[in-house]
Amino acid sequence: MSMSDWFNRWEALRKVYKKRSLPIHNWRIADNEPDPVKNEPKEFELVSYDWASRMKPQKSKPPAIIHLDPPANEEEIIIIEKEMGCSIPSSFRNVLKQYSRKVDVCWMFPVDDEEYKTIYDHRFRYFSWGILYWSLEELPTLQKKFQEWLINCYNDPNDSYGKHWYGKFPVCEVGCGDFTVIENERENSQQVVYLSHDGDCKVNGFPMGKDFEDFVDRMSLLGCPSEGFSLYPFIDSPKPYLQIDNENARLWRQWFGLEN
């Protein structure tokens, strides 16, 4: 992806946010009072997500966000690698150095959005929000969380479901207990894989991109589908990777407003 494409993708999504007046996802809370030091809104915090809360009438919520930090330099990456005790896969490392050290994308449709309901027809009925998040500085904490899942839940590498959790480097936490990871068990493969914690066999172990840049390319073209079930319309088994040119992807992009 060229740098111009990188900025154009996020700008297109920002325009969709503005046009549709999309708010931030329900599991985010924020204090909209400006920070007295930076004169900017305070940082958003992740909180536990209560599915039932989405079915309640929507209160006024902060607008959807796309936050892009500048790229990291080699020295900063090395510091994090030393803290983790392992290397960052090269495809992710390239994105951190060339594009951004931290990306935070978070949006949702209000439950009373009548226009969105018209496109459902059970085709996109779970794609009602988008999330994409990674941070160089938070990688050590993410590694610890991932290892806890391995120790407590997926401690058998021969298990047909749990085996997908081995030989992986976590890069994104979806927010519901699922992870986006990079294969690092095979020298010539850096596929980006989705891991589901709750038994969703359709997406657990599913390769979403051939490497991290390809993964971001596909996600940004689709508006950043969030949890496993929101990926369903863009999976054409046995084809690997999120499909960006199938019928569902074309329909979604055109309706959502992401078509050029």
Protein backbone atom coordinates (compact mmCIF):
# COMPACT_ATOMS: atom_id res chain seq x y z
CA MET A 1 0.00 0.00 0.00
CA SER A 2 1.42 3.41 -0.91
CA MET A 3 1.44 6.19 1.66
CA SER A 4 -1.13 8.10 -0.41
CA ASP A 5 -3.42 5.08 -0.35
CA TRP A 6 -2.89 4.84 3.42
CA PHE A 7 -4.18 8.36 4.03
CA ASN A 8 -6.90 8.16 1.38
CA ARG A 9 -8.39 5.02 2.95
CA TRP A 10 -8.79 6.60 6.36
CA GLU A 11 -10.03 9.87 4.88
CA ALA A 12 -12.74 7.96 3.00
CA LEU A 13 -13.82 6.32 6.24
CA ARG A 14 -13.83 9.67 8.03
CA LYS A 15 -16.19 11.02 5.38
CA VAL A 16 -18.52 8.07 5.97
CA TYR A 17 -18.49 8.79 9.71
CA LYS A 18 -19.38 12.41 9.11
CA LYS A 19 -22.04 11.70 6.50
CA ARG A 20 -23.79 9.11 8.66
CA SER A 21 -23.10 10.83 11.99
CA LEU A 22 -21.72 7.58 13.41
CA PRO A 23 -20.88 7.45 17.12
CA ILE A 24 -18.11 5.60 18.87
CA HIS A 25 -18.67 1.97 19.85
CA ASN A 26 -20.68 1.29 23.00
CA TRP A 27 -17.78 -0.27 24.87
CA ARG A 28 -15.93 3.02 24.75
CA ILE A 29 -16.53 5.75 27.25
CA ALA A 30 -15.05 9.19 27.11
CA ASP A 31 -14.96 12.49 28.90
CA ASN A 32 -15.53 15.12 26.24
CA GLU A 33 -14.18 17.90 28.40
CA PRO A 34 -10.88 19.10 26.90
CA ASP A 35 -7.70 18.12 28.64
CA PRO A 36 -6.58 21.33 30.39
CA VAL A 37 -2.95 20.66 29.46
CA LYS A 38 -3.28 19.58 25.83
CA ASN A 39 -6.61 21.30 25.16
CA GLU A 40 -7.73 18.06 23.54
CA PRO A 41 -10.41 15.49 24.38
CA LYS A 42 -9.20 12.98 26.93
CA GLU A 43 -8.19 9.50 25.88
CA PHE A 44 -10.91 6.91 25.34
CA GLU A 45 -10.89 3.93 27.67
CA LEU A 46 -11.86 0.35 26.94
CA VAL A 47 -14.58 -0.96 29.23
CA SER A 48 -16.40 -4.26 29.48
CA TYR A 49 -18.96 -4.60 26.72
CA ASP A 50 -22.50 -5.47 27.68
CA TRP A 51 -24.40 -6.77 24.66
CA ALA A 52 -27.72 -5.89 26.31
CA SER A 53 -26.66 -2.25 26.44
CA ARG A 54 -26.71 -2.12 22.65
CA MET A 55 -30.41 -2.92 22.69
CA LYS A 56 -31.22 0.02 24.94
CA PRO A 57 -32.10 3.47 23.58
CA GLN A 58 -28.97 5.30 22.55
CA LYS A 59 -27.82 8.26 24.56
CA SER A 60 -25.66 10.96 23.07
CA LYS A 61 -22.26 9.45 22.38
CA PRO A 62 -18.93 10.84 21.22
CA PRO A 63 -18.32 10.66 17.47
CA ALA A 64 -16.54 7.72 15.86
CA ILE A 65 -12.77 7.98 15.79
CA ILE A 66 -9.81 7.32 13.55
CA HIS A 67 -6.57 7.98 15.40
CA LEU A 68 -3.27 7.54 13.56
CA ASP A 69 0.06 8.07 15.33
CA PRO A 70 3.27 8.80 13.41
CA PRO A 71 5.55 5.87 12.53
CA ALA A 72 8.03 4.44 15.03
CA ASN A 73 11.78 4.39 14.54
CA GLU A 74 14.09 1.40 14.78
CA GLU A 75 15.37 2.29 18.24
CA GLU A 76 11.86 2.50 19.67
CA ILE A 77 10.97 -0.88 18.21
CA ILE A 78 14.12 -2.50 19.61
CA ILE A 79 13.25 -1.23 23.10
CA ILE A 80 9.84 -2.94 22.93
CA GLU A 81 11.36 -6.14 21.55
CA LYS A 82 13.81 -6.28 24.44
CA GLU A 83 10.96 -5.80 26.91
CA MET A 84 9.00 -8.65 25.30
CA GLY A 85 12.01 -10.89 24.81
CA CYS A 86 11.08 -11.63 21.19
CA SER A 87 11.18 -10.06 17.75
CA ILE A 88 8.27 -8.34 16.04
CA PRO A 89 7.38 -10.08 12.74
CA SER A 90 8.84 -8.18 9.79
CA SER A 91 5.50 -7.43 8.07
CA PHE A 92 4.15 -5.80 11.24
CA ARG A 93 7.49 -4.12 11.87
CA ASN A 94 7.34 -2.55 8.39
CA VAL A 95 3.87 -1.10 9.07
CA LEU A 96 5.02 0.30 12.42
CA LYS A 97 8.00 2.00 10.73
CA GLN A 98 6.39 3.09 7.48
CA TYR A 99 2.81 3.94 8.44
CA SER A 100 1.92 4.17 12.12
CA ARG A 101 3.02 2.99 15.57
CA LYS A 102 -0.57 3.17 16.79
CA VAL A 103 -3.91 3.00 14.99
CA ASP A 104 -7.28 3.29 16.69
CA VAL A 105 -10.44 2.95 14.59
CA CYS A 106 -13.79 2.66 16.34
CA TRP A 107 -17.34 3.26 15.06
CA MET A 108 -20.84 1.81 15.24
CA PHE A 109 -24.33 2.19 13.84
CA PRO A 110 -26.94 3.44 16.30
CA VAL A 111 -29.64 0.82 16.87
CA ASP A 112 -32.28 3.23 15.56
CA ASP A 113 -30.54 3.76 12.21
CA GLU A 114 -33.42 2.86 9.87
CA GLU A 115 -31.34 3.14 6.70
CA TYR A 116 -28.90 0.56 7.99
CA LYS A 117 -31.73 -1.84 8.80
CA THR A 118 -32.80 -1.83 5.15
CA ILE A 119 -29.54 -3.37 3.97
CA TYR A 120 -29.55 -6.13 6.57
CA ASP A 121 -31.55 -8.87 4.85
CA HIS A 122 -29.46 -11.16 7.07
CA ARG A 123 -26.45 -10.47 4.86
CA PHE A 124 -24.74 -7.90 7.07
CA ARG A 125 -26.80 -8.24 10.18
CA TYR A 126 -23.78 -8.57 12.45
CA PHE A 127 -21.60 -5.92 10.83
CA SER A 128 -22.90 -3.00 12.86
CA TRP A 129 -19.57 -1.70 14.15
CA GLY A 130 -15.93 -1.51 13.17
CA ILE A 131 -12.78 -1.76 15.27
CA LEU A 132 -9.09 -1.84 14.43
CA TYR A 133 -6.47 -1.18 17.08
CA TRP A 134 -2.76 -1.71 17.51
CA SER A 135 -0.08 0.02 19.55
CA LEU A 136 3.67 -0.53 19.66
CA GLU A 137 3.88 0.54 23.30
CA GLU A 138 1.11 -1.84 24.37
CA LEU A 139 2.58 -4.95 22.73
CA PRO A 140 4.22 -6.25 25.95
CA THR A 141 0.87 -6.09 27.78
CA LEU A 142 -0.86 -7.76 24.85
CA GLN A 143 1.74 -10.54 24.88
CA LYS A 144 1.01 -11.21 28.55
CA LYS A 145 -2.74 -11.38 27.92
CA PHE A 146 -2.21 -13.76 25.04
CA GLN A 147 0.03 -16.02 27.11
CA GLU A 148 -2.63 -16.14 29.84
CA TRP A 149 -5.13 -17.46 27.31
CA LEU A 150 -2.64 -20.12 26.23
CA ILE A 151 -1.91 -21.21 29.79
CA ASN A 152 -5.48 -21.17 31.08
CA CYS A 153 -7.54 -22.20 28.05
CA TYR A 154 -5.48 -23.50 25.14
CA ASN A 155 -2.69 -25.47 26.79
CA ASP A 156 -2.90 -28.42 24.40
CA PRO A 157 -1.18 -27.72 21.05
CA ASN A 158 -2.68 -30.94 19.67
CA ASP A 159 -6.27 -29.87 20.30
CA SER A 160 -8.09 -29.31 16.99
CA TYR A 161 -9.33 -25.89 18.09
CA GLY A 162 -6.53 -24.72 20.37
CA LYS A 163 -3.73 -25.61 17.95
CA HIS A 164 -4.40 -22.41 16.01
CA TRP A 165 -3.26 -20.39 19.02
CA TYR A 166 0.30 -21.74 18.86
CA GLY A 167 3.18 -20.24 16.91
CA LYS A 168 1.48 -16.84 16.73
CA PHE A 169 2.43 -13.26 17.54
CA PRO A 170 -0.55 -11.17 18.79
CA VAL A 171 -0.87 -7.71 17.31
CA CYS A 172 -4.48 -6.67 17.95
CA GLU A 173 -7.07 -7.47 20.59
CA VAL A 174 -10.54 -7.31 19.11
CA GLY A 175 -11.96 -6.37 22.48
CA CYS A 176 -14.19 -9.37 23.12
CA GLY A 177 -11.39 -11.81 23.98
CA ASP A 178 -10.48 -12.55 20.37
CA PHE A 179 -7.14 -11.73 18.80
CA THR A 180 -5.60 -10.82 15.48
CA VAL A 181 -2.22 -12.55 15.26
CA ILE A 182 0.65 -13.13 12.84
CA GLU A 183 2.03 -16.57 12.09
CA ASN A 184 5.64 -16.84 13.21
CA GLU A 185 6.04 -20.60 13.31
CA ARG A 186 6.94 -20.94 9.63
CA GLU A 187 9.85 -19.02 8.16
CA ASN A 188 8.13 -18.08 4.91
CA SER A 189 4.65 -17.29 6.26
CA GLN A 190 3.45 -14.18 8.01
CA GLN A 191 -0.24 -14.67 7.43
CA VAL A 192 -2.51 -12.62 9.66
CA VAL A 193 -4.93 -14.96 11.42
CA TYR A 194 -8.10 -14.45 13.46
CA LEU A 195 -8.37 -16.32 16.75
CA SER A 196 -11.76 -16.79 18.41
CA HIS A 197 -11.95 -17.50 22.14
CA ASP A 198 -15.56 -18.71 22.18
CA GLY A 199 -15.72 -21.67 19.82
CA ASP A 200 -16.40 -19.94 16.50
CA CYS A 201 -14.87 -22.55 14.20
CA LYS A 202 -15.65 -20.56 11.06
CA VAL A 203 -13.16 -17.83 11.93
CA ASN A 204 -10.80 -19.41 14.46
CA GLY A 205 -7.55 -19.88 12.56
CA PHE A 206 -8.90 -18.13 9.45
CA PRO A 207 -6.15 -16.29 7.50
CA MET A 208 -7.32 -12.71 6.91
CA GLY A 209 -4.30 -11.46 4.95
CA LYS A 210 -1.08 -12.80 3.50
CA ASP A 211 0.90 -10.42 5.75
CA PHE A 212 0.12 -7.47 8.01
CA GLU A 213 0.19 -4.82 5.29
CA ASP A 214 -2.15 -6.92 3.16
CA PHE A 215 -4.41 -7.37 6.19
CA VAL A 216 -4.62 -3.60 6.80
CA ASP A 217 -5.22 -3.06 3.09
CA ARG A 218 -8.22 -5.41 3.14
CA MET A 219 -9.60 -4.18 6.46
CA SER A 220 -9.48 -0.52 5.45
CA LEU A 221 -11.27 -1.27 2.17
CA LEU A 222 -14.10 -2.91 4.13
CA GLY A 223 -14.44 -0.31 6.88
CA CYS A 224 -12.72 -2.48 9.53
CA PRO A 225 -15.15 -5.31 10.36
CA SER A 226 -14.74 -6.07 14.04
CA GLU A 227 -15.60 -9.39 15.65
CA GLY A 228 -15.61 -12.82 14.05
CA PHE A 229 -19.21 -12.92 12.89
CA SER A 230 -18.90 -9.56 11.14
CA LEU A 231 -16.27 -11.18 8.90
CA TYR A 232 -18.69 -13.83 7.60
CA PRO A 233 -19.90 -11.88 4.52
CA PHE A 234 -16.31 -11.48 3.36
CA ILE A 235 -15.23 -15.11 3.73
CA ASP A 236 -15.47 -17.34 0.66
CA SER A 237 -14.19 -20.70 1.81
CA PRO A 238 -11.97 -22.39 0.82
CA LYS A 239 -10.38 -19.14 -0.40
CA PRO A 240 -8.04 -17.57 2.14
CA TYR A 241 -8.12 -13.94 3.23
CA LEU A 242 -10.91 -11.39 3.56
CA GLN A 243 -12.49 -10.97 0.16
CA ILE A 244 -12.62 -7.37 -1.04
CA ASP A 245 -14.06 -8.04 -4.51
CA ASN A 246 -16.82 -10.58 -3.88
CA GLU A 247 -20.50 -9.68 -4.22
CA ASN A 248 -20.91 -8.93 -0.54
CA ALA A 249 -17.83 -6.70 -0.42
CA ARG A 250 -18.94 -4.72 -3.48
CA LEU A 251 -22.47 -4.31 -2.13
CA TRP A 252 -21.24 -3.28 1.29
CA ARG A 253 -18.65 -0.79 0.05
CA GLN A 254 -21.12 0.82 -2.34
CA TRP A 255 -23.88 1.15 0.24
CA PHE A 256 -21.62 2.22 3.09
CA GLY A 257 -20.00 4.90 0.94
CA LEU A 258 -16.46 3.55 0.54
CA GLU A 259 -16.53 3.12 -3.23
CA ASN A 260 -14.37 5.59 -5.12
